[in-house]
Amino acid sequence: MERKLLNRIKVILAEKGKTNKWLSEQLGKDPAIVSKWVTNTSQPNVEMLIQIAKCLDVKVDDLLRTE
């Protein structure tokens, strides 16, 4: 069975009391792109995951899960 890598950005944002809009502003990215990441429609690249982790003060591993 193939394992799918998904992110936990939505969960971490909620835990930190932050919004998609806040994250898009921190990263200088279009809110529509961040929305796709949050809903797991698309995934950020490794460099962006590192930036997201820094913004949210978590480890990159905390942002990832497999299904």
PDB file of N, CA and C in Angstrom:
ATOM      1  N   MET A   1       0.850  -1.186   0.000  1.00  0.00           N
ATOM      2  CA  MET A   1       0.000   0.000   0.000  1.00  0.00           C
ATOM      3  C   MET A   1       0.895   1.249   0.000  1.00  0.00           C
ATOM      4  N   GLU A   2       0.561   2.219  -0.829  1.00  0.00           N
ATOM      5  CA  GLU A   2       1.323   3.449  -0.939  1.00  0.00           C
ATOM      6  C   GLU A   2       0.975   4.374   0.218  1.00  0.00           C
ATOM      7  N   ARG A   3       2.021   4.939   0.836  1.00  0.00           N
ATOM      8  CA  ARG A   3       1.822   5.895   1.930  1.00  0.00           C
ATOM      9  C   ARG A   3       1.850   7.303   1.350  1.00  0.00           C
ATOM     10  N   LYS A   4       0.979   8.125   1.840  1.00  0.00           N
ATOM     11  CA  LYS A   4       0.867   9.484   1.336  1.00  0.00           C
ATOM     12  C   LYS A   4       1.364  10.451   2.410  1.00  0.00           C
ATOM     13  N   LEU A   5       2.263  11.358   2.022  1.00  0.00           N
ATOM     14  CA  LEU A   5       2.780  12.352   2.945  1.00  0.00           C
ATOM     15  C   LEU A   5       1.853  13.562   2.951  1.00  0.00           C
ATOM     16  N   LEU A   6       1.366  13.917   4.112  1.00  0.00           N
ATOM     17  CA  LEU A   6       0.486  15.070   4.267  1.00  0.00           C
ATOM     18  C   LEU A   6       1.098  16.014   5.302  1.00  0.00           C
ATOM     19  N   ASN A   7       0.625  17.240   5.300  1.00  0.00           N
ATOM     20  CA  ASN A   7       1.136  18.179   6.291  1.00  0.00           C
ATOM     21  C   ASN A   7       0.092  18.457   7.372  1.00  0.00           C
ATOM     22  N   ARG A   8       0.565  18.977   8.485  1.00  0.00           N
ATOM     23  CA  ARG A   8      -0.281  19.304   9.631  1.00  0.00           C
ATOM     24  C   ARG A   8      -0.343  20.816   9.848  1.00  0.00           C
ATOM     25  N   ILE A   9      -0.158  21.581   8.783  1.00  0.00           N
ATOM     26  CA  ILE A   9      -0.116  23.038   8.924  1.00  0.00           C
ATOM     27  C   ILE A   9      -1.400  23.562   9.557  1.00  0.00           C
ATOM     28  N   LYS A  10      -2.543  23.061   9.116  1.00  0.00           N
ATOM     29  CA  LYS A  10      -3.830  23.522   9.658  1.00  0.00           C
ATOM     30  C   LYS A  10      -3.904  23.291  11.166  1.00  0.00           C
ATOM     31  N   VAL A  11      -3.482  22.110  11.613  1.00  0.00           N
ATOM     32  CA  VAL A  11      -3.523  21.766  13.033  1.00  0.00           C
ATOM     33  C   VAL A  11      -2.597  22.681  13.835  1.00  0.00           C
ATOM     34  N   ILE A  12      -1.386  22.875  13.334  1.00  0.00           N
ATOM     35  CA  ILE A  12      -0.413  23.717  14.040  1.00  0.00           C
ATOM     36  C   ILE A  12      -0.882  25.167  14.082  1.00  0.00           C
ATOM     37  N   LEU A  13      -1.426  25.671  12.977  1.00  0.00           N
ATOM     38  CA  LEU A  13      -1.966  27.037  12.978  1.00  0.00           C
ATOM     39  C   LEU A  13      -3.031  27.191  14.062  1.00  0.00           C
ATOM     40  N   ALA A  14      -3.944  26.217  14.151  1.00  0.00           N
ATOM     41  CA  ALA A  14      -5.007  26.273  15.157  1.00  0.00           C
ATOM     42  C   ALA A  14      -4.420  26.237  16.564  1.00  0.00           C
ATOM     43  N   GLU A  15      -3.442  25.365  16.787  1.00  0.00           N
ATOM     44  CA  GLU A  15      -2.812  25.272  18.105  1.00  0.00           C
ATOM     45  C   GLU A  15      -2.136  26.582  18.504  1.00  0.00           C
ATOM     46  N   LYS A  16      -1.591  27.285  17.518  1.00  0.00           N
ATOM     47  CA  LYS A  16      -0.877  28.541  17.779  1.00  0.00           C
ATOM     48  C   LYS A  16      -1.798  29.757  17.728  1.00  0.00           C
ATOM     49  N   GLY A  17      -3.071  29.544  17.376  1.00  0.00           N
ATOM     50  CA  GLY A  17      -4.011  30.657  17.282  1.00  0.00           C
ATOM     51  C   GLY A  17      -3.723  31.586  16.112  1.00  0.00           C
ATOM     52  N   LYS A  18      -3.169  31.033  15.039  1.00  0.00           N
ATOM     53  CA  LYS A  18      -2.815  31.813  13.854  1.00  0.00           C
ATOM     54  C   LYS A  18      -3.725  31.443  12.687  1.00  0.00           C
ATOM     55  N   THR A  19      -3.778  32.316  11.696  1.00  0.00           N
ATOM     56  CA  THR A  19      -4.645  32.104  10.534  1.00  0.00           C
ATOM     57  C   THR A  19      -3.820  31.860   9.271  1.00  0.00           C
ATOM     58  N   ASN A  20      -4.493  31.367   8.244  1.00  0.00           N
ATOM     59  CA  ASN A  20      -3.865  31.211   6.928  1.00  0.00           C
ATOM     60  C   ASN A  20      -3.332  32.561   6.451  1.00  0.00           C
ATOM     61  N   LYS A  21      -4.131  33.604   6.659  1.00  0.00           N
ATOM     62  CA  LYS A  21      -3.742  34.946   6.214  1.00  0.00           C
ATOM     63  C   LYS A  21      -2.454  35.381   6.902  1.00  0.00           C
ATOM     64  N   TRP A  22      -2.367  35.144   8.202  1.00  0.00           N
ATOM     65  CA  TRP A  22      -1.151  35.491   8.947  1.00  0.00           C
ATOM     66  C   TRP A  22       0.053  34.772   8.350  1.00  0.00           C
ATOM     67  N   LEU A  23      -0.087  33.470   8.097  1.00  0.00           N
ATOM     68  CA  LEU A  23       1.019  32.690   7.555  1.00  0.00           C
ATOM     69  C   LEU A  23       1.407  33.189   6.164  1.00  0.00           C
ATOM     70  N   SER A  24       0.428  33.500   5.333  1.00  0.00           N
ATOM     71  CA  SER A  24       0.734  33.987   3.985  1.00  0.00           C
ATOM     72  C   SER A  24       1.495  35.310   4.052  1.00  0.00           C
ATOM     73  N   GLU A  25       1.133  36.169   5.012  1.00  0.00           N
ATOM     74  CA  GLU A  25       1.840  37.442   5.180  1.00  0.00           C
ATOM     75  C   GLU A  25       3.274  37.210   5.661  1.00  0.00           C
ATOM     76  N   GLN A  26       3.458  36.287   6.590  1.00  0.00           N
ATOM     77  CA  GLN A  26       4.796  35.990   7.112  1.00  0.00           C
ATOM     78  C   GLN A  26       5.712  35.457   6.016  1.00  0.00           C
ATOM     79  N   LEU A  27       5.147  34.653   5.124  1.00  0.00           N
ATOM     80  CA  LEU A  27       5.933  34.000   4.080  1.00  0.00           C
ATOM     81  C   LEU A  27       6.014  34.808   2.790  1.00  0.00           C
ATOM     82  N   GLY A  28       5.182  35.846   2.656  1.00  0.00           N
ATOM     83  CA  GLY A  28       5.124  36.613   1.424  1.00  0.00           C
ATOM     84  C   GLY A  28       4.526  35.813   0.273  1.00  0.00           C
ATOM     85  N   LYS A  29       3.587  34.931   0.613  1.00  0.00           N
ATOM     86  CA  LYS A  29       2.947  34.070  -0.391  1.00  0.00           C
ATOM     87  C   LYS A  29       1.480  34.454  -0.550  1.00  0.00           C
ATOM     88  N   ASP A  30       0.934  34.150  -1.719  1.00  0.00           N
ATOM     89  CA  ASP A  30      -0.477  34.375  -1.991  1.00  0.00           C
ATOM     90  C   ASP A  30      -1.318  33.532  -1.032  1.00  0.00           C
ATOM     91  N   PRO A  31      -2.348  34.124  -0.423  1.00  0.00           N
ATOM     92  CA  PRO A  31      -3.205  33.357   0.487  1.00  0.00           C
ATOM     93  C   PRO A  31      -3.816  32.111  -0.156  1.00  0.00           C
ATOM     94  N   ALA A  32      -4.062  32.135  -1.467  1.00  0.00           N
ATOM     95  CA  ALA A  32      -4.633  30.968  -2.149  1.00  0.00           C
ATOM     96  C   ALA A  32      -3.657  29.792  -2.119  1.00  0.00           C
ATOM     97  N   ILE A  33      -2.370  30.076  -2.235  1.00  0.00           N
ATOM     98  CA  ILE A  33      -1.362  29.008  -2.177  1.00  0.00           C
ATOM     99  C   ILE A  33      -1.318  28.412  -0.779  1.00  0.00           C
ATOM    100  N   VAL A  34      -1.312  29.275   0.227  1.00  0.00           N
ATOM    101  CA  VAL A  34      -1.291  28.793   1.614  1.00  0.00           C
ATOM    102  C   VAL A  34      -2.542  27.970   1.897  1.00  0.00           C
ATOM    103  N   SER A  35      -3.678  28.396   1.372  1.00  0.00           N
ATOM    104  CA  SER A  35      -4.919  27.647   1.548  1.00  0.00           C
ATOM    105  C   SER A  35      -4.796  26.238   0.969  1.00  0.00           C
ATOM    106  N   LYS A  36      -4.151  26.109  -0.181  1.00  0.00           N
ATOM    107  CA  LYS A  36      -3.955  24.779  -0.784  1.00  0.00           C
ATOM    108  C   LYS A  36      -3.071  23.907   0.097  1.00  0.00           C
ATOM    109  N   TRP A  37      -2.051  24.507   0.720  1.00  0.00           N
ATOM    110  CA  TRP A  37      -1.186  23.742   1.627  1.00  0.00           C
ATOM    111  C   TRP A  37      -1.974  23.292   2.858  1.00  0.00           C
ATOM    112  N   VAL A  38      -2.760  24.212   3.411  1.00  0.00           N
ATOM    113  CA  VAL A  38      -3.506  23.930   4.643  1.00  0.00           C
ATOM    114  C   VAL A  38      -4.529  22.815   4.424  1.00  0.00           C
ATOM    115  N   THR A  39      -5.114  22.768   3.239  1.00  0.00           N
ATOM    116  CA  THR A  39      -6.123  21.741   2.945  1.00  0.00           C
ATOM    117  C   THR A  39      -5.504  20.489   2.314  1.00  0.00           C
ATOM    118  N   ASN A  40      -4.176  20.472   2.208  1.00  0.00           N
ATOM    119  CA  ASN A  40      -3.448  19.347   1.613  1.00  0.00           C
ATOM    120  C   ASN A  40      -3.815  19.103   0.153  1.00  0.00           C
ATOM    121  N   THR A  41      -4.295  20.142  -0.534  1.00  0.00           N
ATOM    122  CA  THR A  41      -4.544  20.055  -1.970  1.00  0.00           C
ATOM    123  C   THR A  41      -3.220  20.000  -2.720  1.00  0.00           C
ATOM    124  N   SER A  42      -2.243  20.754  -2.207  1.00  0.00           N
ATOM    125  CA  SER A  42      -0.870  20.699  -2.711  1.00  0.00           C
ATOM    126  C   SER A  42       0.058  20.796  -1.509  1.00  0.00           C
ATOM    127  N   GLN A  43       1.341  20.519  -1.740  1.00  0.00           N
ATOM    128  CA  GLN A  43       2.309  20.509  -0.645  1.00  0.00           C
ATOM    129  C   GLN A  43       3.403  21.538  -0.908  1.00  0.00           C
ATOM    130  N   PRO A  44       3.852  22.215   0.149  1.00  0.00           N
ATOM    131  CA  PRO A  44       4.983  23.122  -0.013  1.00  0.00           C
ATOM    132  C   PRO A  44       6.272  22.327  -0.227  1.00  0.00           C
ATOM    133  N   ASN A  45       7.248  22.950  -0.866  1.00  0.00           N
ATOM    134  CA  ASN A  45       8.534  22.276  -1.052  1.00  0.00           C
ATOM    135  C   ASN A  45       9.310  22.286   0.277  1.00  0.00           C
ATOM    136  N   VAL A  46      10.432  21.608   0.297  1.00  0.00           N
ATOM    137  CA  VAL A  46      11.204  21.454   1.540  1.00  0.00           C
ATOM    138  C   VAL A  46      11.650  22.801   2.085  1.00  0.00           C
ATOM    139  N   GLU A  47      12.132  23.674   1.217  1.00  0.00           N
ATOM    140  CA  GLU A  47      12.579  24.992   1.678  1.00  0.00           C
ATOM    141  C   GLU A  47      11.433  25.766   2.327  1.00  0.00           C
ATOM    142  N   MET A  48      10.247  25.668   1.738  1.00  0.00           N
ATOM    143  CA  MET A  48       9.092  26.368   2.292  1.00  0.00           C
ATOM    144  C   MET A  48       8.664  25.740   3.614  1.00  0.00           C
ATOM    145  N   LEU A  49       8.740  24.413   3.725  1.00  0.00           N
ATOM    146  CA  LEU A  49       8.425  23.761   4.998  1.00  0.00           C
ATOM    147  C   LEU A  49       9.341  24.269   6.110  1.00  0.00           C
ATOM    148  N   ILE A  50      10.601  24.476   5.784  1.00  0.00           N
ATOM    149  CA  ILE A  50      11.546  25.000   6.772  1.00  0.00           C
ATOM    150  C   ILE A  50      11.128  26.407   7.204  1.00  0.00           C
ATOM    151  N   GLN A  51      10.739  27.249   6.251  1.00  0.00           N
ATOM    152  CA  GLN A  51      10.287  28.606   6.574  1.00  0.00           C
ATOM    153  C   GLN A  51       9.007  28.581   7.405  1.00  0.00           C
ATOM    154  N   ILE A  52       8.080  27.692   7.052  1.00  0.00           N
ATOM    155  CA  ILE A  52       6.824  27.565   7.799  1.00  0.00           C
ATOM    156  C   ILE A  52       7.122  27.135   9.238  1.00  0.00           C
ATOM    157  N   ALA A  53       7.997  26.168   9.400  1.00  0.00           N
ATOM    158  CA  ALA A  53       8.360  25.697  10.735  1.00  0.00           C
ATOM    159  C   ALA A  53       8.948  26.830  11.573  1.00  0.00           C
ATOM    160  N   LYS A  54       9.798  27.649  10.966  1.00  0.00           N
ATOM    161  CA  LYS A  54      10.387  28.789  11.684  1.00  0.00           C
ATOM    162  C   LYS A  54       9.307  29.784  12.103  1.00  0.00           C
ATOM    163  N   CYS A  55       8.389  30.096  11.189  1.00  0.00           N
ATOM    164  CA  CYS A  55       7.301  31.040  11.501  1.00  0.00           C
ATOM    165  C   CYS A  55       6.442  30.542  12.659  1.00  0.00           C
ATOM    166  N   LEU A  56       6.214  29.228  12.684  1.00  0.00           N
ATOM    167  CA  LEU A  56       5.328  28.648  13.699  1.00  0.00           C
ATOM    168  C   LEU A  56       6.090  28.140  14.924  1.00  0.00           C
ATOM    169  N   ASP A  57       7.413  28.292  14.914  1.00  0.00           N
ATOM    170  CA  ASP A  57       8.260  27.884  16.034  1.00  0.00           C
ATOM    171  C   ASP A  57       8.065  26.403  16.377  1.00  0.00           C
ATOM    172  N   VAL A  58       8.124  25.574  15.334  1.00  0.00           N
ATOM    173  CA  VAL A  58       8.034  24.118  15.488  1.00  0.00           C
ATOM    174  C   VAL A  58       9.126  23.474  14.639  1.00  0.00           C
ATOM    175  N   LYS A  59       9.335  22.180  14.829  1.00  0.00           N
ATOM    176  CA  LYS A  59      10.258  21.438  13.981  1.00  0.00           C
ATOM    177  C   LYS A  59       9.539  21.037  12.693  1.00  0.00           C
ATOM    178  N   VAL A  60      10.302  20.876  11.629  1.00  0.00           N
ATOM    179  CA  VAL A  60       9.709  20.449  10.353  1.00  0.00           C
ATOM    180  C   VAL A  60       8.963  19.135  10.545  1.00  0.00           C
ATOM    181  N   ASP A  61       9.532  18.226  11.334  1.00  0.00           N
ATOM    182  CA  ASP A  61       8.871  16.939  11.588  1.00  0.00           C
ATOM    183  C   ASP A  61       7.463  17.115  12.158  1.00  0.00           C
ATOM    184  N   ASP A  62       7.266  18.173  12.952  1.00  0.00           N
ATOM    185  CA  ASP A  62       5.947  18.424  13.545  1.00  0.00           C
ATOM    186  C   ASP A  62       4.902  18.774  12.484  1.00  0.00           C
ATOM    187  N   LEU A  63       5.359  19.240  11.331  1.00  0.00           N
ATOM    188  CA  LEU A  63       4.445  19.650  10.262  1.00  0.00           C
ATOM    189  C   LEU A  63       4.008  18.505   9.361  1.00  0.00           C
ATOM    190  N   LEU A  64       4.643  17.336   9.519  1.00  0.00           N
ATOM    191  CA  LEU A  64       4.409  16.238   8.584  1.00  0.00           C
ATOM    192  C   LEU A  64       3.753  15.034   9.236  1.00  0.00           C
ATOM    193  N   ARG A  65       2.987  14.298   8.434  1.00  0.00           N
ATOM    194  CA  ARG A  65       2.408  13.016   8.854  1.00  0.00           C
ATOM    195  C   ARG A  65       2.240  12.155   7.617  1.00  0.00           C
ATOM    196  N   THR A  66       2.112  10.876   7.812  1.00  0.00           N
ATOM    197  CA  THR A  66       1.857   9.974   6.689  1.00  0.00           C
ATOM    198  C   THR A  66       0.529   9.267   6.907  1.00  0.00           C
ATOM    199  N   GLU A  67      -0.102   8.936   5.809  1.00  0.00           N
ATOM    200  CA  GLU A  67      -1.373   8.189   5.857  1.00  0.00           C
ATOM    201  C   GLU A  67      -1.249   6.964   5.005  1.00  0.00           C
TER     202      GLU A  67
END
